[in-house]
N, C-alpha and C. Protein backbone atom coordinates (compact mmCIF):
# COMPACT_ATOMS: atom_id res chain seq x y z
N MET A 1 -22.89 8.00 -3.46
CA MET A 1 -21.65 7.01 -2.92
C MET A 1 -20.63 7.40 -2.89
N LYS A 2 -19.60 7.61 -1.66
CA LYS A 2 -18.47 7.82 -1.17
C LYS A 2 -17.57 6.37 -0.82
N LEU A 3 -16.56 6.18 -1.25
CA LEU A 3 -15.37 5.19 -0.50
C LEU A 3 -14.77 5.50 0.72
N SER A 4 -15.26 4.98 1.61
CA SER A 4 -15.31 5.37 2.79
C SER A 4 -13.71 5.13 3.91
N LEU A 5 -14.20 3.60 3.34
CA LEU A 5 -12.34 2.93 4.08
C LEU A 5 -12.11 1.67 3.83
N VAL A 6 -11.40 1.56 2.62
CA VAL A 6 -10.61 0.04 2.28
C VAL A 6 -10.06 -1.10 2.90
N SER A 7 -9.75 -2.20 3.23
CA SER A 7 -9.20 -2.79 4.04
C SER A 7 -8.25 -3.35 3.08
N ILE A 8 -6.82 -3.84 3.11
CA ILE A 8 -5.76 -4.39 2.79
C ILE A 8 -5.89 -5.71 3.93
N PRO A 9 -4.94 -7.03 3.48
CA PRO A 9 -4.73 -8.21 4.14
C PRO A 9 -3.49 -7.95 4.35
N VAL A 10 -3.31 -8.09 5.61
CA VAL A 10 -1.53 -7.66 5.73
C VAL A 10 -1.16 -8.76 6.79
N GLN A 11 0.06 -9.49 6.86
CA GLN A 11 0.71 -10.77 7.50
C GLN A 11 0.65 -9.75 9.30
N ASP A 12 0.88 -8.89 9.65
CA ASP A 12 1.03 -8.52 11.40
C ASP A 12 0.53 -7.02 10.85
N PRO A 13 -0.35 -6.11 11.55
CA PRO A 13 -1.11 -5.13 11.49
C PRO A 13 0.22 -3.55 12.26
N ILE A 14 0.81 -4.22 13.06
CA ILE A 14 1.69 -3.23 13.86
C ILE A 14 2.64 -3.55 12.54
N LYS A 15 3.13 -4.37 12.59
CA LYS A 15 4.32 -4.07 11.47
C LYS A 15 3.72 -3.56 10.74
N ALA A 16 2.29 -3.45 9.50
CA ALA A 16 2.66 -2.63 8.70
C ALA A 16 1.87 -1.39 8.65
N HIS A 17 1.20 -1.26 9.96
CA HIS A 17 1.94 0.08 10.43
C HIS A 17 2.55 0.37 10.47
N GLU A 18 3.76 0.26 10.97
CA GLU A 18 5.06 1.05 10.97
C GLU A 18 5.51 1.49 9.60
N ILE A 19 5.48 0.53 8.89
CA ILE A 19 5.88 0.79 7.59
C ILE A 19 4.97 1.65 7.10
N TYR A 20 3.74 1.05 6.91
CA TYR A 20 3.36 2.25 6.67
C TYR A 20 2.79 3.73 6.77
N THR A 21 3.11 4.01 7.57
CA THR A 21 3.09 5.27 7.96
C THR A 21 4.64 5.68 8.20
N SER A 22 5.95 5.21 8.02
CA SER A 22 6.97 5.79 8.18
C SER A 22 7.82 5.16 7.17
N LYS A 23 7.33 4.97 6.38
CA LYS A 23 8.59 3.61 4.59
C LYS A 23 7.18 4.86 3.80
N LEU A 24 6.02 4.88 3.83
CA LEU A 24 5.16 4.97 2.38
C LEU A 24 4.52 6.26 2.40
N GLY A 25 4.07 6.58 4.02
CA GLY A 25 3.98 8.36 4.41
C GLY A 25 2.83 8.33 4.44
N PHE A 26 1.80 6.75 4.73
CA PHE A 26 0.86 7.71 5.36
C PHE A 26 1.18 8.62 5.97
N VAL A 27 -0.86 8.70 7.06
CA VAL A 27 -0.95 8.64 8.52
C VAL A 27 -1.93 7.89 9.22
N SER A 28 -1.93 7.96 10.88
CA SER A 28 -2.35 7.50 11.23
C SER A 28 -3.92 7.86 11.96
N LYS A 29 -4.68 6.76 11.26
CA LYS A 29 -5.79 7.29 11.80
C LYS A 29 -6.62 7.01 13.74
N GLU A 30 -6.14 5.57 13.48
CA GLU A 30 -6.73 5.04 14.59
C GLU A 30 -5.65 3.81 14.68
N PHE A 31 -5.28 3.35 16.02
CA PHE A 31 -3.92 2.42 15.83
C PHE A 31 -4.54 2.24 17.41
N ASP A 32 -4.82 0.43 18.08
CA ASP A 32 -4.96 0.10 18.93
C ASP A 32 -3.91 -1.13 19.08
N VAL A 33 -2.84 -0.85 19.38
CA VAL A 33 -1.79 -2.47 19.60
C VAL A 33 -2.52 -3.43 20.11
N VAL A 34 -3.12 -3.80 20.76
CA VAL A 34 -3.51 -3.99 21.57
C VAL A 34 -5.16 -5.57 20.31
N ALA A 35 -5.93 -4.21 20.22
CA ALA A 35 -6.56 -5.27 19.51
C ALA A 35 -6.01 -5.08 18.09
N LYS A 36 -5.36 -4.91 17.93
CA LYS A 36 -4.27 -5.41 16.75
C LYS A 36 -4.66 -4.62 15.23
N LEU A 37 -5.20 -3.02 15.88
CA LEU A 37 -6.88 -1.94 15.04
C LEU A 37 -4.99 -0.99 14.11
N ALA A 38 -4.88 -0.86 12.89
CA ALA A 38 -3.70 -0.08 12.38
C ALA A 38 -5.61 0.07 11.46
N ILE A 39 -5.12 1.71 11.67
CA ILE A 39 -5.69 2.01 10.52
C ILE A 39 -5.59 3.79 9.79
N VAL A 40 -4.94 3.69 8.27
CA VAL A 40 -3.88 5.06 7.74
C VAL A 40 -4.92 5.64 7.14
N VAL A 41 -4.97 6.40 6.74
CA VAL A 41 -5.19 7.63 5.64
C VAL A 41 -3.95 8.16 5.10
N SER A 42 -4.23 8.82 3.87
CA SER A 42 -3.33 9.44 3.06
C SER A 42 -2.53 10.93 3.46
N ALA A 43 -1.29 11.22 3.29
CA ALA A 43 -0.81 12.61 4.05
C ALA A 43 -1.51 13.40 3.44
N GLU A 44 -2.06 13.12 2.02
CA GLU A 44 -2.03 14.33 1.19
C GLU A 44 -3.80 14.46 1.55
N ASP A 45 -4.34 13.81 1.44
CA ASP A 45 -5.90 13.57 2.11
C ASP A 45 -6.27 13.08 3.01
N PRO A 46 -5.83 13.37 4.11
CA PRO A 46 -6.07 13.21 6.32
C PRO A 46 -7.76 12.59 5.73
N ALA A 47 -8.44 13.26 5.70
CA ALA A 47 -10.30 13.70 5.55
C ALA A 47 -10.47 12.13 4.19
N GLY A 48 -9.89 11.60 3.27
CA GLY A 48 -10.20 11.25 2.20
C GLY A 48 -10.37 9.57 2.91
N THR A 49 -10.74 8.38 2.13
CA THR A 49 -11.11 7.63 2.21
C THR A 49 -9.52 6.54 3.13
N ALA A 50 -9.99 6.10 4.00
CA ALA A 50 -9.38 5.28 5.20
C ALA A 50 -8.99 3.85 4.49
N MET A 51 -7.74 3.53 5.24
CA MET A 51 -7.12 2.34 5.00
C MET A 51 -7.39 0.95 5.46
N LEU A 52 -7.83 -0.14 6.49
CA LEU A 52 -7.64 -1.29 7.48
C LEU A 52 -7.22 -1.82 7.12
N LEU A 53 -5.50 -2.13 8.08
CA LEU A 53 -4.22 -2.64 8.16
C LEU A 53 -4.73 -4.25 8.33
N GLU A 54 -5.54 -5.05 7.66
CA GLU A 54 -6.39 -6.17 8.34
C GLU A 54 -5.36 -7.59 8.41
N PRO A 55 -5.40 -7.80 9.54
CA PRO A 55 -4.41 -9.13 9.92
C PRO A 55 -5.63 -10.58 8.78
N CYS A 56 -4.85 -10.98 7.84
CA CYS A 56 -5.05 -12.27 7.41
C CYS A 56 -4.44 -13.02 7.73
N GLN A 57 -3.62 -12.87 7.92
CA GLN A 57 -3.47 -15.00 8.77
C GLN A 57 -4.49 -16.10 9.73
N GLY A 58 -4.97 -16.49 9.68
CA GLY A 58 -5.74 -17.73 9.25
C GLY A 58 -7.00 -17.43 8.70
N SER A 59 -7.11 -16.38 7.68
CA SER A 59 -8.17 -16.25 7.42
C SER A 59 -8.19 -16.16 5.48
N PHE A 60 -9.39 -16.34 5.02
CA PHE A 60 -9.18 -16.35 3.54
C PHE A 60 -8.49 -15.71 3.15
N ALA A 61 -8.19 -14.48 3.85
CA ALA A 61 -7.46 -13.15 3.04
C ALA A 61 -6.08 -13.47 3.04
N GLU A 62 -5.32 -14.57 3.80
CA GLU A 62 -4.27 -15.03 3.82
C GLU A 62 -3.64 -16.08 1.97
N CYS A 63 -4.91 -16.67 2.34
CA CYS A 63 -4.35 -17.40 0.34
C CYS A 63 -4.25 -15.80 -0.21
N TYR A 64 -5.65 -15.49 -0.35
CA TYR A 64 -5.72 -14.27 -1.77
C TYR A 64 -5.18 -13.73 -1.36
N GLN A 65 -3.80 -13.38 -0.69
CA GLN A 65 -2.41 -12.38 -0.79
C GLN A 65 -1.53 -13.09 -1.17
N LYS A 66 -1.44 -13.90 -0.67
CA LYS A 66 -0.66 -15.34 -1.23
C LYS A 66 -0.70 -16.13 -2.81
N SER A 67 -1.73 -15.95 -3.39
CA SER A 67 -2.17 -15.98 -5.33
C SER A 67 -1.83 -14.72 -5.00
N ALA A 68 -1.96 -13.65 -5.02
CA ALA A 68 -1.86 -12.49 -5.40
C ALA A 68 -0.59 -11.96 -5.78
N PHE A 69 0.69 -12.56 -4.89
CA PHE A 69 1.66 -12.21 -4.65
C PHE A 69 2.51 -13.02 -5.79
N GLU A 70 2.05 -14.68 -5.77
CA GLU A 70 2.79 -15.41 -6.19
C GLU A 70 2.43 -14.96 -8.18
N ALA A 71 0.79 -14.23 -8.15
CA ALA A 71 1.17 -14.32 -9.81
C ALA A 71 1.30 -13.01 -10.28
N ASN A 72 2.10 -12.10 -8.99
CA ASN A 72 2.41 -10.27 -9.89
C ASN A 72 1.59 -9.46 -9.20
N LEU A 73 0.62 -9.82 -8.97
CA LEU A 73 -0.61 -8.87 -9.43
C LEU A 73 -1.09 -7.36 -8.36
N PRO A 74 -1.09 -6.46 -8.27
CA PRO A 74 -1.17 -5.68 -7.32
C PRO A 74 -2.34 -5.56 -6.05
N ILE A 75 -1.63 -5.59 -5.82
CA ILE A 75 -3.60 -5.65 -3.96
C ILE A 75 -4.30 -4.38 -4.15
N MET A 76 -3.28 -2.77 -4.85
CA MET A 76 -4.12 -2.09 -5.02
C MET A 76 -3.54 -1.19 -5.46
N ILE A 77 -4.22 0.02 -6.05
CA ILE A 77 -3.00 0.79 -6.95
C ILE A 77 -3.18 2.66 -5.50
N PHE A 78 -2.35 3.55 -6.13
CA PHE A 78 -1.99 4.21 -5.43
C PHE A 78 -1.71 5.58 -6.45
N ALA A 79 -2.25 6.81 -6.45
CA ALA A 79 -1.95 7.34 -7.80
C ALA A 79 -0.81 9.22 -7.10
N VAL A 80 0.14 8.94 -8.00
CA VAL A 80 1.24 10.04 -7.31
C VAL A 80 1.08 10.82 -8.51
N LYS A 81 1.74 11.85 -8.79
CA LYS A 81 2.19 12.90 -9.87
C LYS A 81 3.15 12.82 -10.24
N ASP A 82 5.11 12.56 -9.36
CA ASP A 82 5.15 11.68 -10.24
C ASP A 82 5.74 10.06 -9.85
N VAL A 83 5.82 9.27 -11.21
CA VAL A 83 6.66 8.01 -10.66
C VAL A 83 7.84 7.59 -10.17
N GLU A 84 8.39 8.66 -11.30
CA GLU A 84 9.99 8.42 -10.95
C GLU A 84 10.75 8.74 -9.30
N ALA A 85 9.77 9.68 -9.12
CA ALA A 85 10.34 11.07 -7.97
C ALA A 85 10.04 10.14 -6.69
N GLU A 86 8.56 9.14 -7.02
CA GLU A 86 8.14 8.66 -5.75
C GLU A 86 8.72 7.07 -5.60
N LEU A 87 9.46 6.81 -6.83
CA LEU A 87 9.94 5.02 -6.35
C LEU A 87 11.74 5.28 -5.88
N ASP A 88 12.25 7.06 -5.91
CA ASP A 88 13.25 7.86 -5.57
C ASP A 88 12.73 7.44 -3.81
N LYS A 89 12.16 7.84 -3.64
CA LYS A 89 12.03 7.69 -2.51
C LYS A 89 11.05 6.44 -1.58
N LEU A 90 11.12 6.01 -2.52
CA LEU A 90 10.21 4.53 -1.69
C LEU A 90 11.82 3.19 -1.39
N LYS A 91 12.44 3.88 -2.65
CA LYS A 91 14.08 2.83 -2.96
C LYS A 91 14.91 3.36 -1.62
N ALA A 92 14.52 4.25 -1.26
CA ALA A 92 15.85 5.28 0.08
C ALA A 92 15.11 4.97 1.30
N ALA A 93 13.47 4.53 1.39
CA ALA A 93 12.89 3.77 2.54
C ALA A 93 13.47 2.78 3.06
N GLY A 94 14.28 1.85 1.89
CA GLY A 94 14.27 0.31 2.12
C GLY A 94 12.81 0.21 1.27
N ILE A 95 12.14 0.25 0.58
CA ILE A 95 11.46 -1.26 -0.01
C ILE A 95 11.69 -1.10 -1.38
N LYS A 96 11.16 -2.11 -1.36
CA LYS A 96 11.41 -3.08 -3.04
C LYS A 96 11.10 -2.83 -3.47
N VAL A 97 11.54 -1.91 -4.56
CA VAL A 97 10.39 -1.71 -5.49
C VAL A 97 10.79 -3.21 -6.92
N ARG A 98 10.02 -2.46 -7.99
CA ARG A 98 9.98 -3.60 -8.93
C ARG A 98 10.73 -3.34 -10.08
N PRO A 99 11.37 -3.60 -10.61
CA PRO A 99 12.72 -2.58 -11.78
C PRO A 99 11.68 -2.19 -13.25
N GLU A 100 10.68 -3.15 -13.53
CA GLU A 100 10.93 -2.26 -14.51
C GLU A 100 9.49 -1.32 -14.64
N LEU A 101 9.88 -0.24 -15.12
CA LEU A 101 9.22 0.99 -15.13
C LEU A 101 7.68 0.63 -16.20
N ASP A 102 6.52 0.74 -16.20
CA ASP A 102 5.59 0.67 -17.02
C ASP A 102 5.64 2.09 -17.98
N ARG A 103 5.33 1.90 -19.47
CA ARG A 103 4.56 2.97 -19.59
C ARG A 103 3.21 2.75 -21.10
N PRO A 104 1.37 2.13 -20.27
CA PRO A 104 0.54 1.63 -21.48
C PRO A 104 -0.07 3.28 -22.22
N GLU A 105 -0.64 3.08 -22.28
CA GLU A 105 -1.09 4.41 -23.09
C GLU A 105 -1.62 5.43 -21.73
N TRP A 106 -1.88 5.05 -20.64
CA TRP A 106 -3.19 6.35 -19.99
C TRP A 106 -2.00 6.61 -18.39
N GLY A 107 -0.41 6.58 -18.62
CA GLY A 107 0.09 7.06 -18.27
C GLY A 107 1.38 6.02 -17.50
N LEU A 108 2.20 6.41 -16.73
CA LEU A 108 4.06 5.43 -16.16
C LEU A 108 3.03 5.05 -14.93
N MET A 109 3.86 3.77 -14.52
CA MET A 109 3.66 3.54 -13.21
C MET A 109 4.81 2.27 -13.26
N ASN A 110 4.99 1.47 -11.74
CA ASN A 110 5.47 0.73 -11.28
C ASN A 110 4.53 -0.12 -10.37
N MET A 111 5.38 -1.05 -9.89
CA MET A 111 4.96 -1.87 -8.76
C MET A 111 5.80 -2.32 -7.79
N PHE A 112 5.53 -2.29 -5.98
CA PHE A 112 7.21 -2.35 -5.10
C PHE A 112 5.61 -3.00 -4.28
N GLU A 113 7.24 -3.92 -4.20
CA GLU A 113 6.78 -5.18 -2.70
C GLU A 113 6.19 -3.99 -0.99
N ASP A 114 5.00 -4.11 -0.33
CA ASP A 114 4.77 -3.64 1.20
C ASP A 114 5.78 -4.19 1.93
N GLY A 115 6.23 -5.35 2.24
CA GLY A 115 6.92 -5.48 3.35
C GLY A 115 6.21 -5.86 4.04
N CYS A 116 5.37 -6.53 3.45
CA CYS A 116 3.79 -7.56 4.81
C CYS A 116 2.92 -8.00 3.91
N GLY A 117 3.63 -8.87 2.93
CA GLY A 117 3.05 -9.45 2.05
C GLY A 117 1.88 -9.27 0.91
N ASN A 118 2.48 -8.25 0.35
CA ASN A 118 1.37 -7.25 -0.42
C ASN A 118 2.17 -6.42 -2.05
N ILE A 119 2.36 -6.92 -3.29
CA ILE A 119 2.38 -6.26 -4.19
C ILE A 119 0.91 -5.32 -4.37
N LEU A 120 2.05 -3.67 -4.75
CA LEU A 120 1.58 -2.88 -4.71
C LEU A 120 1.62 -1.84 -5.53
N MET A 121 1.06 -0.64 -6.49
CA MET A 121 1.51 -0.02 -7.78
C MET A 121 1.25 1.41 -8.06
N ILE A 122 2.03 2.48 -7.73
CA ILE A 122 1.53 3.10 -8.42
C ILE A 122 2.21 4.12 -9.78
N GLU A 123 0.21 4.68 -9.82
CA GLU A 123 0.54 4.94 -11.55
C GLU A 123 0.32 6.71 -11.33
N GLU A 124 0.75 7.70 -12.39
CA GLU A 124 0.98 8.50 -12.56
C GLU A 124 0.01 9.63 -13.39
N ILE A 125 -1.11 9.99 -12.11
CA ILE A 125 -2.02 10.83 -12.65
C ILE A 125 -1.59 12.33 -12.46
N PRO A 126 -1.26 12.83 -13.08
CA PRO A 126 -0.46 14.41 -12.77
C PRO A 126 -1.65 15.30 -12.63
N ALA A 127 -1.08 16.73 -12.02
CA ALA A 127 -2.09 17.12 -10.98
C ALA A 127 -2.96 18.20 -12.20
């Protein structure tokens, strides 16, 4: 079995699509403004797992998203080759980066906010 599509709750899928494609470096797989359908994939692996930017307003996911944010918990984790270089790109794109780098025994990581109600994490996975 292989992971094909994951869903991440966002307050506005149209705004999220703009942020995820122009600031976070994902590419659009499907985008329909009228249907509020936004699916993105990694520019590094366009045939890989897709991410549905799921509108959460008025659903159980809105409470989940808010609770995770208030608890300072990342809702998703992305792998990068160089955390510090990626943080520099995110900051340059205007993304709010959490200030503390962490280096647990398995590698370097940090969190940032996507501007759509979520905390996300990047972890360094060497090539």
